Amino acid sequence: MTARGSRRKSAAEWVTLSLSVFVVGALVAVALVEESRREQGDETGLEVTFDIERAVARGDRYYVPYT
């Protein structure tokens, strides 16, 4: 084993490692909570209505107004 691999970690290294693990764990937890909420069917407050009667064909494209 190399001399570098056998040295003990300092307090600053342990604190940095602990904080890093905590931050990554918190981000994973938030992502899991958000995903579970999304799967439970929580809807957003956005509603889009297409006005099909006012749709216009221009060349090979269609323009459909929405509100």
C-alpha atoms as a PDB file:
ATOM      1  CA  MET A   1       0.000   0.000   0.000  1.00  0.00           C
ATOM      2  CA  THR A   2       1.270   3.481  -0.730  1.00  0.00           C
ATOM      3  CA  ALA A   3       2.092   6.001   1.949  1.00  0.00           C
ATOM      4  CA  ARG A   4      -0.709   8.208   0.686  1.00  0.00           C
ATOM      5  CA  GLY A   5      -3.299   5.433   1.043  1.00  0.00           C
ATOM      6  CA  SER A   6      -2.316   4.633   4.623  1.00  0.00           C
ATOM      7  CA  ARG A   7      -2.596   8.140   6.070  1.00  0.00           C
ATOM      8  CA  ARG A   8      -5.558   8.946   8.287  1.00  0.00           C
ATOM      9  CA  LYS A   9      -8.154  11.432   7.126  1.00  0.00           C
ATOM     10  CA  SER A  10      -8.227  14.809   8.829  1.00  0.00           C
ATOM     11  CA  ALA A  11     -11.280  16.259  10.561  1.00  0.00           C
ATOM     12  CA  ALA A  12     -11.834  18.624   7.633  1.00  0.00           C
ATOM     13  CA  GLU A  13     -11.958  15.675   5.223  1.00  0.00           C
ATOM     14  CA  TRP A  14     -14.500  13.859   7.411  1.00  0.00           C
ATOM     15  CA  VAL A  15     -16.657  16.985   7.687  1.00  0.00           C
ATOM     16  CA  THR A  16     -16.523  17.513   3.929  1.00  0.00           C
ATOM     17  CA  LEU A  17     -17.403  13.877   3.272  1.00  0.00           C
ATOM     18  CA  SER A  18     -20.279  13.992   5.767  1.00  0.00           C
ATOM     19  CA  LEU A  19     -21.715  17.180   4.288  1.00  0.00           C
ATOM     20  CA  SER A  20     -21.395  15.810   0.761  1.00  0.00           C
ATOM     21  CA  VAL A  21     -23.210  12.598   1.687  1.00  0.00           C
ATOM     22  CA  PHE A  22     -25.911  14.632   3.460  1.00  0.00           C
ATOM     23  CA  VAL A  23     -26.455  16.956   0.463  1.00  0.00           C
ATOM     24  CA  VAL A  24     -26.612  14.089  -2.033  1.00  0.00           C
ATOM     25  CA  GLY A  25     -28.952  12.146   0.256  1.00  0.00           C
ATOM     26  CA  ALA A  26     -31.217  15.180   0.660  1.00  0.00           C
ATOM     27  CA  LEU A  27     -31.378  15.677  -3.113  1.00  0.00           C
ATOM     28  CA  VAL A  28     -32.260  12.018  -3.650  1.00  0.00           C
ATOM     29  CA  ALA A  29     -34.948  12.227  -0.955  1.00  0.00           C
ATOM     30  CA  VAL A  30     -36.482  15.340  -2.529  1.00  0.00           C
ATOM     31  CA  ALA A  31     -36.465  13.684  -5.953  1.00  0.00           C
ATOM     32  CA  LEU A  32     -38.202  10.587  -4.563  1.00  0.00           C
ATOM     33  CA  VAL A  33     -40.864  12.666  -2.797  1.00  0.00           C
ATOM     34  CA  GLU A  34     -41.528  14.708  -5.939  1.00  0.00           C
ATOM     35  CA  GLU A  35     -41.767  11.554  -8.039  1.00  0.00           C
ATOM     36  CA  SER A  36     -44.212   9.941  -5.610  1.00  0.00           C
ATOM     37  CA  ARG A  37     -46.387  13.065  -5.675  1.00  0.00           C
ATOM     38  CA  ARG A  38     -46.356  13.061  -9.469  1.00  0.00           C
ATOM     39  CA  GLU A  39     -47.431   9.410  -9.586  1.00  0.00           C
ATOM     40  CA  GLN A  40     -50.293  10.047  -7.157  1.00  0.00           C
ATOM     41  CA  GLY A  41     -51.953  12.281  -9.732  1.00  0.00           C
ATOM     42  CA  ASP A  42     -51.362  15.716  -8.287  1.00  0.00           C
ATOM     43  CA  GLU A  43     -52.324  17.962 -11.143  1.00  0.00           C
ATOM     44  CA  THR A  44     -50.822  21.282 -12.032  1.00  0.00           C
ATOM     45  CA  GLY A  45     -52.888  24.445 -12.281  1.00  0.00           C
ATOM     46  CA  LEU A  46     -52.410  24.676 -16.052  1.00  0.00           C
ATOM     47  CA  GLU A  47     -55.230  24.140 -18.509  1.00  0.00           C
ATOM     48  CA  VAL A  48     -54.829  24.543 -22.278  1.00  0.00           C
ATOM     49  CA  THR A  49     -57.838  24.890 -24.581  1.00  0.00           C
ATOM     50  CA  PHE A  50     -57.389  24.536 -28.337  1.00  0.00           C
ATOM     51  CA  ASP A  51     -59.697  26.581 -30.592  1.00  0.00           C
ATOM     52  CA  ILE A  52     -60.160  24.054 -33.410  1.00  0.00           C
ATOM     53  CA  GLU A  53     -62.770  26.195 -35.188  1.00  0.00           C
ATOM     54  CA  ARG A  54     -60.175  28.907 -35.835  1.00  0.00           C
ATOM     55  CA  ALA A  55     -57.469  26.514 -37.084  1.00  0.00           C
ATOM     56  CA  VAL A  56     -55.790  27.694 -40.291  1.00  0.00           C
ATOM     57  CA  ALA A  57     -53.813  25.702 -42.874  1.00  0.00           C
ATOM     58  CA  ARG A  58     -50.869  27.614 -44.371  1.00  0.00           C
ATOM     59  CA  GLY A  59     -49.008  25.530 -46.877  1.00  0.00           C
ATOM     60  CA  ASP A  60     -48.043  22.256 -45.258  1.00  0.00           C
ATOM     61  CA  ARG A  61     -48.471  23.603 -41.697  1.00  0.00           C
ATOM     62  CA  TYR A  62     -51.470  24.107 -39.442  1.00  0.00           C
ATOM     63  CA  TYR A  63     -51.885  26.905 -36.941  1.00  0.00           C
ATOM     64  CA  VAL A  64     -54.244  26.178 -34.053  1.00  0.00           C
ATOM     65  CA  PRO A  65     -54.874  28.994 -31.563  1.00  0.00           C
ATOM     66  CA  TYR A  66     -54.941  28.083 -27.884  1.00  0.00           C
ATOM     67  CA  THR A  67     -55.694  29.823 -24.611  1.00  0.00           C
END
